[in-house]
């Protein structure tokens, strides 16, 4: 290997956070040609991760390292959301700790690259292309070892959980998560609710937050939130909540029941 190649390799290793993926397009922009990358691979410095991505030989890379590359190198809004974000924030400890799957959310036009879909992360990545919340709002930086990634804040993650909920058990589990949301910032929640396009999510969020007795609910301006018109039946043979015109699982309505 030439001196210049060794120097470039040293720079690459220095600037490449351990535990992360590097995508080929980003490496090319940094001056590392495909030919040079293949040379590093033959010298056992790099391993290819499918087509279009690389990891350092001997490095242990979890899904967060892939998200780092998607966000910082590709410029995508793809991020851990829902329960995955709450787990990263330490707010889902009393539910499923050993995650079998991680929910990633991205905007409607964003595609999860094949290398990310096919790699073995030790769990299942479930990707949701959605536009019920705009990208960029309600996000937070979460440190992961030597790097950090953007993930949903607790309020946004809670809305993502509600967006995915479809069964009676999932609705009840969402409420158990909501019970722990006692310190959300009303201004952040207000903005998310105003920008959210899902009537189901907005009504459920307000219903559960009020049912849980959170003080921050009193600081929301509900009149500025579009809750849509008409009734919404979320489950069959459930309990009807007149204030929010939703039919919810009976087990949810009876759980910690308060007057709405």
C-alpha atoms as a PDB file:
ATOM      1  CA  UNK A   1       0.000   0.000   0.000  1.00  0.00           C
ATOM      2  CA  UNK A   2       1.363   3.421  -0.934  1.00  0.00           C
ATOM      3  CA  UNK A   3       2.208   6.113   1.599  1.00  0.00           C
ATOM      4  CA  UNK A   4      -0.667   8.296   0.379  1.00  0.00           C
ATOM      5  CA  UNK A   5      -3.101   5.405   0.697  1.00  0.00           C
ATOM      6  CA  UNK A   6      -1.882   4.707   4.220  1.00  0.00           C
ATOM      7  CA  UNK A   7      -2.312   8.383   5.120  1.00  0.00           C
ATOM      8  CA  UNK A   8      -5.840   8.434   3.724  1.00  0.00           C
ATOM      9  CA  UNK A   9      -6.625   5.255   5.622  1.00  0.00           C
ATOM     10  CA  UNK A  10      -5.381   6.785   8.877  1.00  0.00           C
ATOM     11  CA  UNK A  11      -7.560   9.839   8.275  1.00  0.00           C
ATOM     12  CA  UNK A  12     -10.541   7.634   7.510  1.00  0.00           C
ATOM     13  CA  UNK A  13     -10.131   5.565  10.675  1.00  0.00           C
ATOM     14  CA  UNK A  14      -9.615   8.713  12.733  1.00  0.00           C
ATOM     15  CA  UNK A  15     -12.781  10.402  11.499  1.00  0.00           C
ATOM     16  CA  UNK A  16     -14.985   7.309  11.412  1.00  0.00           C
ATOM     17  CA  UNK A  17     -16.844   6.823  14.725  1.00  0.00           C
ATOM     18  CA  UNK A  18     -16.585   3.222  15.963  1.00  0.00           C
ATOM     19  CA  UNK A  19     -19.842   1.307  15.775  1.00  0.00           C
ATOM     20  CA  UNK A  20     -21.128   3.104  12.697  1.00  0.00           C
ATOM     21  CA  UNK A  21     -21.678   2.369   9.023  1.00  0.00           C
ATOM     22  CA  UNK A  22     -20.112   4.433   6.241  1.00  0.00           C
ATOM     23  CA  UNK A  23     -21.995   4.561   2.933  1.00  0.00           C
ATOM     24  CA  UNK A  24     -20.088   4.397  -0.326  1.00  0.00           C
ATOM     25  CA  UNK A  25     -21.505   7.638  -1.731  1.00  0.00           C
ATOM     26  CA  UNK A  26     -20.328   9.556   1.344  1.00  0.00           C
ATOM     27  CA  UNK A  27     -16.890   7.929   1.236  1.00  0.00           C
ATOM     28  CA  UNK A  28     -16.598   8.826  -2.448  1.00  0.00           C
ATOM     29  CA  UNK A  29     -17.348  12.457  -1.607  1.00  0.00           C
ATOM     30  CA  UNK A  30     -14.563  12.375   0.982  1.00  0.00           C
ATOM     31  CA  UNK A  31     -12.105  11.322  -1.716  1.00  0.00           C
ATOM     32  CA  UNK A  32     -12.163   7.549  -1.284  1.00  0.00           C
ATOM     33  CA  UNK A  33     -12.750   5.944  -4.669  1.00  0.00           C
ATOM     34  CA  UNK A  34     -14.389   2.558  -5.081  1.00  0.00           C
ATOM     35  CA  UNK A  35     -11.016   1.216  -6.206  1.00  0.00           C
ATOM     36  CA  UNK A  36      -9.351   2.444  -3.006  1.00  0.00           C
ATOM     37  CA  UNK A  37     -12.145   1.049  -0.843  1.00  0.00           C
ATOM     38  CA  UNK A  38     -11.805  -2.354  -2.468  1.00  0.00           C
ATOM     39  CA  UNK A  39      -8.070  -2.162  -1.813  1.00  0.00           C
ATOM     40  CA  UNK A  40      -8.780  -1.521   1.880  1.00  0.00           C
ATOM     41  CA  UNK A  41     -11.138  -4.497   1.823  1.00  0.00           C
ATOM     42  CA  UNK A  42      -8.457  -6.772   0.347  1.00  0.00           C
ATOM     43  CA  UNK A  43      -6.094  -5.556   3.064  1.00  0.00           C
ATOM     44  CA  UNK A  44      -8.719  -6.516   5.689  1.00  0.00           C
ATOM     45  CA  UNK A  45      -9.262  -2.960   6.908  1.00  0.00           C
ATOM     46  CA  UNK A  46     -12.875  -2.761   5.726  1.00  0.00           C
ATOM     47  CA  UNK A  47     -15.772  -5.133   5.179  1.00  0.00           C
ATOM     48  CA  UNK A  48     -18.608  -4.428   2.771  1.00  0.00           C
ATOM     49  CA  UNK A  49     -22.112  -4.396   4.209  1.00  0.00           C
ATOM     50  CA  UNK A  50     -24.128  -5.451   1.222  1.00  0.00           C
ATOM     51  CA  UNK A  51     -23.947  -3.040  -1.704  1.00  0.00           C
ATOM     52  CA  UNK A  52     -23.231   0.586  -0.930  1.00  0.00           C
ATOM     53  CA  UNK A  53     -22.051   0.473   2.672  1.00  0.00           C
ATOM     54  CA  UNK A  54     -18.999  -0.446   4.733  1.00  0.00           C
ATOM     55  CA  UNK A  55     -17.974  -1.241   8.286  1.00  0.00           C
ATOM     56  CA  UNK A  56     -14.548  -1.356   9.865  1.00  0.00           C
ATOM     57  CA  UNK A  57     -13.138  -4.865  10.135  1.00  0.00           C
ATOM     58  CA  UNK A  58     -13.673  -6.241  13.628  1.00  0.00           C
ATOM     59  CA  UNK A  59     -16.132  -3.503  14.562  1.00  0.00           C
ATOM     60  CA  UNK A  60     -19.468  -4.326  16.187  1.00  0.00           C
ATOM     61  CA  UNK A  61     -22.219  -2.288  14.586  1.00  0.00           C
ATOM     62  CA  UNK A  62     -25.812  -2.204  15.849  1.00  0.00           C
ATOM     63  CA  UNK A  63     -28.793  -0.672  14.072  1.00  0.00           C
ATOM     64  CA  UNK A  64     -28.037   2.720  15.641  1.00  0.00           C
ATOM     65  CA  UNK A  65     -24.801   2.786  13.638  1.00  0.00           C
ATOM     66  CA  UNK A  66     -26.832   2.354  10.466  1.00  0.00           C
ATOM     67  CA  UNK A  67     -29.206   5.143  11.485  1.00  0.00           C
ATOM     68  CA  UNK A  68     -26.181   7.381  12.073  1.00  0.00           C
ATOM     69  CA  UNK A  69     -25.096   6.863   8.460  1.00  0.00           C
ATOM     70  CA  UNK A  70     -28.595   7.420   7.079  1.00  0.00           C
ATOM     71  CA  UNK A  71     -28.928  10.698   8.956  1.00  0.00           C
ATOM     72  CA  UNK A  72     -25.438  12.212   8.862  1.00  0.00           C
ATOM     73  CA  UNK A  73     -24.184  10.900   5.519  1.00  0.00           C
ATOM     74  CA  UNK A  74     -27.283  10.404   3.357  1.00  0.00           C
ATOM     75  CA  UNK A  75     -29.339  13.232   4.876  1.00  0.00           C
ATOM     76  CA  UNK A  76     -32.493  11.212   5.476  1.00  0.00           C
ATOM     77  CA  UNK A  77     -35.001  11.880   8.248  1.00  0.00           C
ATOM     78  CA  UNK A  78     -35.239   8.146   9.022  1.00  0.00           C
ATOM     79  CA  UNK A  79     -35.147   7.705  12.776  1.00  0.00           C
ATOM     80  CA  UNK A  80     -36.048   5.379  15.652  1.00  0.00           C
ATOM     81  CA  UNK A  81     -39.610   6.112  16.657  1.00  0.00           C
ATOM     82  CA  UNK A  82     -42.380   4.685  18.786  1.00  0.00           C
ATOM     83  CA  UNK A  83     -41.239   2.173  21.382  1.00  0.00           C
ATOM     84  CA  UNK A  84     -37.703   2.119  20.006  1.00  0.00           C
ATOM     85  CA  UNK A  85     -37.316   5.826  20.721  1.00  0.00           C
ATOM     86  CA  UNK A  86     -38.903   5.481  24.150  1.00  0.00           C
ATOM     87  CA  UNK A  87     -36.481   2.659  24.915  1.00  0.00           C
ATOM     88  CA  UNK A  88     -33.523   4.840  23.888  1.00  0.00           C
ATOM     89  CA  UNK A  89     -34.929   7.576  26.128  1.00  0.00           C
ATOM     90  CA  UNK A  90     -35.289   5.152  29.034  1.00  0.00           C
ATOM     91  CA  UNK A  91     -39.063   5.519  29.165  1.00  0.00           C
ATOM     92  CA  UNK A  92     -40.162   1.998  28.264  1.00  0.00           C
ATOM     93  CA  UNK A  93     -38.373   0.051  30.988  1.00  0.00           C
ATOM     94  CA  UNK A  94     -41.524  -1.484  32.427  1.00  0.00           C
ATOM     95  CA  UNK A  95     -42.609  -2.874  29.082  1.00  0.00           C
ATOM     96  CA  UNK A  96     -40.702  -5.053  26.634  1.00  0.00           C
ATOM     97  CA  UNK A  97     -37.002  -4.549  27.335  1.00  0.00           C
ATOM     98  CA  UNK A  98     -35.425  -7.080  24.982  1.00  0.00           C
ATOM     99  CA  UNK A  99     -36.657  -5.680  21.708  1.00  0.00           C
ATOM    100  CA  UNK A 100     -37.340  -8.183  18.969  1.00  0.00           C
ATOM    101  CA  UNK A 101     -38.031  -5.364  16.535  1.00  0.00           C
ATOM    102  CA  UNK A 102     -37.305  -1.698  16.078  1.00  0.00           C
ATOM    103  CA  UNK A 103     -39.707   0.705  14.381  1.00  0.00           C
ATOM    104  CA  UNK A 104     -37.996   3.201  12.099  1.00  0.00           C
ATOM    105  CA  UNK A 105     -39.952   6.122  10.697  1.00  0.00           C
ATOM    106  CA  UNK A 106     -39.167   8.119   7.599  1.00  0.00           C
ATOM    107  CA  UNK A 107     -40.994  10.611   5.442  1.00  0.00           C
ATOM    108  CA  UNK A 108     -43.281   9.360   2.691  1.00  0.00           C
ATOM    109  CA  UNK A 109     -40.711   9.598  -0.139  1.00  0.00           C
ATOM    110  CA  UNK A 110     -37.724   8.188   1.784  1.00  0.00           C
ATOM    111  CA  UNK A 111     -36.582   4.635   1.049  1.00  0.00           C
ATOM    112  CA  UNK A 112     -34.639   2.436   3.455  1.00  0.00           C
ATOM    113  CA  UNK A 113     -31.534   1.270   1.532  1.00  0.00           C
ATOM    114  CA  UNK A 114     -31.192  -2.412   0.688  1.00  0.00           C
ATOM    115  CA  UNK A 115     -27.972  -2.763   2.705  1.00  0.00           C
ATOM    116  CA  UNK A 116     -29.838  -1.608   5.793  1.00  0.00           C
ATOM    117  CA  UNK A 117     -32.812  -3.883   5.179  1.00  0.00           C
ATOM    118  CA  UNK A 118     -30.746  -7.003   4.541  1.00  0.00           C
ATOM    119  CA  UNK A 119     -28.049  -6.712   7.214  1.00  0.00           C
ATOM    120  CA  UNK A 120     -28.251  -8.801  10.379  1.00  0.00           C
ATOM    121  CA  UNK A 121     -28.747  -6.361  13.247  1.00  0.00           C
ATOM    122  CA  UNK A 122     -29.806  -9.008  15.745  1.00  0.00           C
ATOM    123  CA  UNK A 123     -33.386  -7.764  15.566  1.00  0.00           C
ATOM    124  CA  UNK A 124     -36.014  -6.914  12.996  1.00  0.00           C
ATOM    125  CA  UNK A 125     -36.124  -3.426  11.513  1.00  0.00           C
ATOM    126  CA  UNK A 126     -39.659  -2.404  10.577  1.00  0.00           C
ATOM    127  CA  UNK A 127     -39.733   0.690   8.414  1.00  0.00           C
ATOM    128  CA  UNK A 128     -42.736   3.005   8.213  1.00  0.00           C
ATOM    129  CA  UNK A 129     -42.971   5.594   5.460  1.00  0.00           C
ATOM    130  CA  UNK A 130     -45.411   8.142   6.831  1.00  0.00           C
ATOM    131  CA  UNK A 131     -46.357  11.783   6.636  1.00  0.00           C
ATOM    132  CA  UNK A 132     -48.790  12.045   9.535  1.00  0.00           C
ATOM    133  CA  UNK A 133     -46.132  14.125  11.291  1.00  0.00           C
ATOM    134  CA  UNK A 134     -43.741  16.399   9.393  1.00  0.00           C
ATOM    135  CA  UNK A 135     -40.020  15.582   9.571  1.00  0.00           C
ATOM    136  CA  UNK A 136     -37.826  17.553  11.920  1.00  0.00           C
ATOM    137  CA  UNK A 137     -40.236  18.509  14.692  1.00  0.00           C
ATOM    138  CA  UNK A 138     -40.341  16.801  18.060  1.00  0.00           C
ATOM    139  CA  UNK A 139     -36.889  15.247  17.664  1.00  0.00           C
ATOM    140  CA  UNK A 140     -34.006  14.889  20.097  1.00  0.00           C
ATOM    141  CA  UNK A 141     -30.325  13.919  19.958  1.00  0.00           C
ATOM    142  CA  UNK A 142     -29.471  10.678  21.736  1.00  0.00           C
ATOM    143  CA  UNK A 143     -25.842   9.721  22.454  1.00  0.00           C
ATOM    144  CA  UNK A 144     -24.898   6.169  21.508  1.00  0.00           C
ATOM    145  CA  UNK A 145     -21.342   5.310  22.551  1.00  0.00           C
ATOM    146  CA  UNK A 146     -19.030   7.502  20.430  1.00  0.00           C
ATOM    147  CA  UNK A 147     -21.732   9.100  18.271  1.00  0.00           C
ATOM    148  CA  UNK A 148     -25.272  10.400  18.473  1.00  0.00           C
ATOM    149  CA  UNK A 149     -28.439   9.960  16.436  1.00  0.00           C
ATOM    150  CA  UNK A 150     -31.704  11.821  16.072  1.00  0.00           C
ATOM    151  CA  UNK A 151     -34.728  10.026  17.479  1.00  0.00           C
ATOM    152  CA  UNK A 152     -38.268  10.958  18.352  1.00  0.00           C
ATOM    153  CA  UNK A 153     -38.787  12.854  21.579  1.00  0.00           C
ATOM    154  CA  UNK A 154     -41.097  11.254  24.120  1.00  0.00           C
ATOM    155  CA  UNK A 155     -44.149  13.163  22.834  1.00  0.00           C
ATOM    156  CA  UNK A 156     -43.539  12.327  19.181  1.00  0.00           C
ATOM    157  CA  UNK A 157     -42.700   8.703  20.027  1.00  0.00           C
ATOM    158  CA  UNK A 158     -45.965   8.428  21.924  1.00  0.00           C
ATOM    159  CA  UNK A 159     -47.859   9.667  18.863  1.00  0.00           C
ATOM    160  CA  UNK A 160     -45.999   7.159  16.687  1.00  0.00           C
ATOM    161  CA  UNK A 161     -47.040   4.373  19.072  1.00  0.00           C
ATOM    162  CA  UNK A 162     -50.658   5.467  18.748  1.00  0.00           C
ATOM    163  CA  UNK A 163     -50.315   5.667  14.966  1.00  0.00           C
ATOM    164  CA  UNK A 164     -49.252   2.008  14.857  1.00  0.00           C
ATOM    165  CA  UNK A 165     -51.693   0.699  17.479  1.00  0.00           C
ATOM    166  CA  UNK A 166     -54.364  -1.575  16.031  1.00  0.00           C
ATOM    167  CA  UNK A 167     -55.344  -4.135  18.693  1.00  0.00           C
ATOM    168  CA  UNK A 168     -56.972  -3.778  22.093  1.00  0.00           C
ATOM    169  CA  UNK A 169     -53.785  -4.906  23.821  1.00  0.00           C
ATOM    170  CA  UNK A 170     -51.700  -2.358  21.927  1.00  0.00           C
ATOM    171  CA  UNK A 171     -54.054   0.462  22.906  1.00  0.00           C
ATOM    172  CA  UNK A 172     -53.839  -0.564  26.569  1.00  0.00           C
ATOM    173  CA  UNK A 173     -50.047  -0.753  26.376  1.00  0.00           C
ATOM    174  CA  UNK A 174     -50.005   2.723  24.816  1.00  0.00           C
ATOM    175  CA  UNK A 175     -51.945   3.999  27.789  1.00  0.00           C
ATOM    176  CA  UNK A 176     -49.429   2.398  30.162  1.00  0.00           C
ATOM    177  CA  UNK A 177     -46.723   4.298  28.292  1.00  0.00           C
ATOM    178  CA  UNK A 178     -48.740   7.508  28.453  1.00  0.00           C
ATOM    179  CA  UNK A 179     -49.011   7.180  32.232  1.00  0.00           C
ATOM    180  CA  UNK A 180     -45.258   7.764  32.406  1.00  0.00           C
ATOM    181  CA  UNK A 181     -45.394  10.962  30.321  1.00  0.00           C
ATOM    182  CA  UNK A 182     -45.787  13.291  33.274  1.00  0.00           C
ATOM    183  CA  UNK A 183     -43.137  15.844  32.293  1.00  0.00           C
ATOM    184  CA  UNK A 184     -43.850  16.638  28.646  1.00  0.00           C
ATOM    185  CA  UNK A 185     -43.496  20.257  27.549  1.00  0.00           C
ATOM    186  CA  UNK A 186     -46.914  21.694  26.662  1.00  0.00           C
ATOM    187  CA  UNK A 187     -45.514  23.914  23.878  1.00  0.00           C
ATOM    188  CA  UNK A 188     -43.851  20.933  22.179  1.00  0.00           C
ATOM    189  CA  UNK A 189     -46.977  18.798  22.522  1.00  0.00           C
ATOM    190  CA  UNK A 190     -49.115  21.648  21.192  1.00  0.00           C
ATOM    191  CA  UNK A 191     -46.975  22.015  18.066  1.00  0.00           C
ATOM    192  CA  UNK A 192     -46.971  18.285  17.389  1.00  0.00           C
ATOM    193  CA  UNK A 193     -50.746  18.032  17.776  1.00  0.00           C
ATOM    194  CA  UNK A 194     -51.315  21.024  15.509  1.00  0.00           C
ATOM    195  CA  UNK A 195     -49.016  19.585  12.830  1.00  0.00           C
ATOM    196  CA  UNK A 196     -50.303  16.003  13.125  1.00  0.00           C
ATOM    197  CA  UNK A 197     -52.631  14.954  10.291  1.00  0.00           C
ATOM    198  CA  UNK A 198     -54.018  11.812  11.966  1.00  0.00           C
ATOM    199  CA  UNK A 199     -57.341  12.418  13.702  1.00  0.00           C
ATOM    200  CA  UNK A 200     -57.035   9.019  15.385  1.00  0.00           C
ATOM    201  CA  UNK A 201     -53.671   9.926  16.915  1.00  0.00           C
ATOM    202  CA  UNK A 202     -54.746  13.364  18.119  1.00  0.00           C
ATOM    203  CA  UNK A 203     -57.951  12.208  19.763  1.00  0.00           C
ATOM    204  CA  UNK A 204     -56.303   9.206  21.401  1.00  0.00           C
ATOM    205  CA  UNK A 205     -53.353  11.256  22.619  1.00  0.00           C
ATOM    206  CA  UNK A 206     -55.573  13.843  24.308  1.00  0.00           C
ATOM    207  CA  UNK A 207     -57.928  11.199  25.684  1.00  0.00           C
ATOM    208  CA  UNK A 208     -55.101   9.172  27.224  1.00  0.00           C
ATOM    209  CA  UNK A 209     -53.177  12.186  28.532  1.00  0.00           C
ATOM    210  CA  UNK A 210     -56.286  13.537  30.216  1.00  0.00           C
ATOM    211  CA  UNK A 211     -57.209  10.101  31.533  1.00  0.00           C
ATOM    212  CA  UNK A 212     -53.724   9.769  33.030  1.00  0.00           C
ATOM    213  CA  UNK A 213     -54.230  13.063  34.868  1.00  0.00           C
ATOM    214  CA  UNK A 214     -51.164  14.855  33.505  1.00  0.00           C
ATOM    215  CA  UNK A 215     -51.008  18.506  34.568  1.00  0.00           C
ATOM    216  CA  UNK A 216     -49.491  19.669  31.275  1.00  0.00           C
ATOM    217  CA  UNK A 217     -52.768  18.890  29.514  1.00  0.00           C
ATOM    218  CA  UNK A 218     -54.258  21.963  31.159  1.00  0.00           C
ATOM    219  CA  UNK A 219     -51.759  24.179  29.333  1.00  0.00           C
ATOM    220  CA  UNK A 220     -52.766  22.968  25.867  1.00  0.00           C
ATOM    221  CA  UNK A 221     -54.972  25.096  23.618  1.00  0.00           C
ATOM    222  CA  UNK A 222     -57.195  22.306  22.331  1.00  0.00           C
ATOM    223  CA  UNK A 223     -59.299  24.713  20.295  1.00  0.00           C
ATOM    224  CA  UNK A 224     -56.368  25.244  17.931  1.00  0.00           C
ATOM    225  CA  UNK A 225     -56.023  21.501  17.261  1.00  0.00           C
ATOM    226  CA  UNK A 226     -58.060  20.083  14.371  1.00  0.00           C
ATOM    227  CA  UNK A 227     -59.752  16.997  15.793  1.00  0.00           C
ATOM    228  CA  UNK A 228     -61.857  16.362  12.719  1.00  0.00           C
ATOM    229  CA  UNK A 229     -65.574  15.648  12.651  1.00  0.00           C
ATOM    230  CA  UNK A 230     -67.686  12.602  13.321  1.00  0.00           C
ATOM    231  CA  UNK A 231     -67.213   9.464  15.358  1.00  0.00           C
ATOM    232  CA  UNK A 232     -64.221   7.127  15.139  1.00  0.00           C
ATOM    233  CA  UNK A 233     -64.495   3.463  16.090  1.00  0.00           C
ATOM    234  CA  UNK A 234     -61.046   2.112  16.886  1.00  0.00           C
ATOM    235  CA  UNK A 235     -62.245  -1.346  17.964  1.00  0.00           C
ATOM    236  CA  UNK A 236     -65.427  -3.389  17.725  1.00  0.00           C
ATOM    237  CA  UNK A 237     -67.701  -3.686  20.746  1.00  0.00           C
ATOM    238  CA  UNK A 238     -65.709  -1.143  22.739  1.00  0.00           C
ATOM    239  CA  UNK A 239     -66.615   1.746  25.025  1.00  0.00           C
ATOM    240  CA  UNK A 240     -67.664   5.054  23.507  1.00  0.00           C
ATOM    241  CA  UNK A 241     -65.968   8.218  24.802  1.00  0.00           C
ATOM    242  CA  UNK A 242     -68.360  11.101  23.998  1.00  0.00           C
ATOM    243  CA  UNK A 243     -65.865  13.921  24.582  1.00  0.00           C
ATOM    244  CA  UNK A 244     -63.516  12.674  21.885  1.00  0.00           C
ATOM    245  CA  UNK A 245     -66.081  10.732  19.838  1.00  0.00           C
ATOM    246  CA  UNK A 246     -63.989   7.570  19.832  1.00  0.00           C
ATOM    247  CA  UNK A 247     -64.769   3.954  20.632  1.00  0.00           C
ATOM    248  CA  UNK A 248     -61.897   2.429  22.601  1.00  0.00           C
ATOM    249  CA  UNK A 249     -61.304  -1.022  24.125  1.00  0.00           C
ATOM    250  CA  UNK A 250     -63.332  -1.577  27.277  1.00  0.00           C
ATOM    251  CA  UNK A 251     -60.162  -2.582  29.123  1.00  0.00           C
ATOM    252  CA  UNK A 252     -58.646   0.796  28.268  1.00  0.00           C
ATOM    253  CA  UNK A 253     -61.672   2.777  29.390  1.00  0.00           C
ATOM    254  CA  UNK A 254     -61.784   0.926  32.704  1.00  0.00           C
ATOM    255  CA  UNK A 255     -58.029   1.218  33.302  1.00  0.00           C
ATOM    256  CA  UNK A 256     -57.495   4.053  35.788  1.00  0.00           C
ATOM    257  CA  UNK A 257     -60.867   5.467  34.833  1.00  0.00           C
ATOM    258  CA  UNK A 258     -61.353   9.180  35.406  1.00  0.00           C
ATOM    259  CA  UNK A 259     -64.134  11.532  34.495  1.00  0.00           C
ATOM    260  CA  UNK A 260     -63.352  13.200  31.201  1.00  0.00           C
END
